[in-house]
């Protein structure tokens, strides 16, 4: 059984990432670097496109 009920089935549509406004996710430089490094890796290896 998958760990999440959300499944990405195709590459023909964009996916969305949302963050709860009351959680301080992007206020620490270390956390921001982890997210940016992950996005950079996805852009290089998986043809990831970020629309924001």
Protein backbone atom coordinates (compact mmCIF):
# COMPACT_ATOMS: atom_id res chain seq x y z
CA UNK A 1 0.00 0.00 0.00
CA UNK A 2 1.37 3.45 -0.86
CA UNK A 3 2.43 5.74 1.95
CA UNK A 4 0.24 8.54 0.63
CA UNK A 5 -3.19 8.66 -0.92
CA UNK A 6 -1.86 11.09 -3.52
CA UNK A 7 -0.52 9.56 -6.71
CA UNK A 8 1.09 11.25 -9.67
CA UNK A 9 0.02 9.31 -12.73
CA UNK A 10 1.13 11.39 -15.67
CA UNK A 11 3.60 13.96 -16.92
CA UNK A 12 1.11 16.00 -18.92
CA UNK A 13 -0.14 18.29 -16.15
CA UNK A 14 1.49 20.43 -13.45
CA UNK A 15 1.57 19.39 -9.81
CA UNK A 16 1.04 21.73 -6.91
CA UNK A 17 2.97 22.19 -3.68
CA UNK A 18 1.30 24.06 -0.87
CA UNK A 19 2.56 25.01 2.56
CA UNK A 20 0.44 25.81 5.57
CA UNK A 21 0.80 29.53 6.23
CA UNK A 22 1.25 29.05 9.98
CA UNK A 23 4.20 26.64 9.64
CA UNK A 24 7.59 28.38 9.47
CA UNK A 25 9.00 26.23 6.66
CA UNK A 26 11.11 28.76 4.77
CA UNK A 27 12.42 30.92 7.60
CA UNK A 28 15.65 28.94 8.19
CA UNK A 29 18.41 29.15 5.56
CA UNK A 30 19.22 25.44 6.00
CA UNK A 31 15.67 24.43 5.12
CA UNK A 32 15.58 26.74 2.11
CA UNK A 33 18.86 25.25 0.83
CA UNK A 34 17.47 21.71 1.13
CA UNK A 35 14.40 22.62 -0.92
CA UNK A 36 16.42 24.54 -3.52
CA UNK A 37 18.98 21.73 -3.84
CA UNK A 38 16.16 19.23 -4.34
CA UNK A 39 14.60 21.39 -7.05
CA UNK A 40 17.97 21.85 -8.77
CA UNK A 41 18.56 18.10 -8.77
CA UNK A 42 15.09 17.48 -10.21
CA UNK A 43 15.72 20.07 -12.93
CA UNK A 44 18.99 18.39 -13.90
CA UNK A 45 17.89 14.74 -13.70
CA UNK A 46 14.12 14.58 -14.16
CA UNK A 47 13.24 17.49 -16.51
CA UNK A 48 11.55 19.30 -13.64
CA UNK A 49 9.99 22.67 -14.47
CA UNK A 50 9.07 25.10 -11.72
CA UNK A 51 6.24 27.56 -12.32
CA UNK A 52 5.86 30.01 -9.51
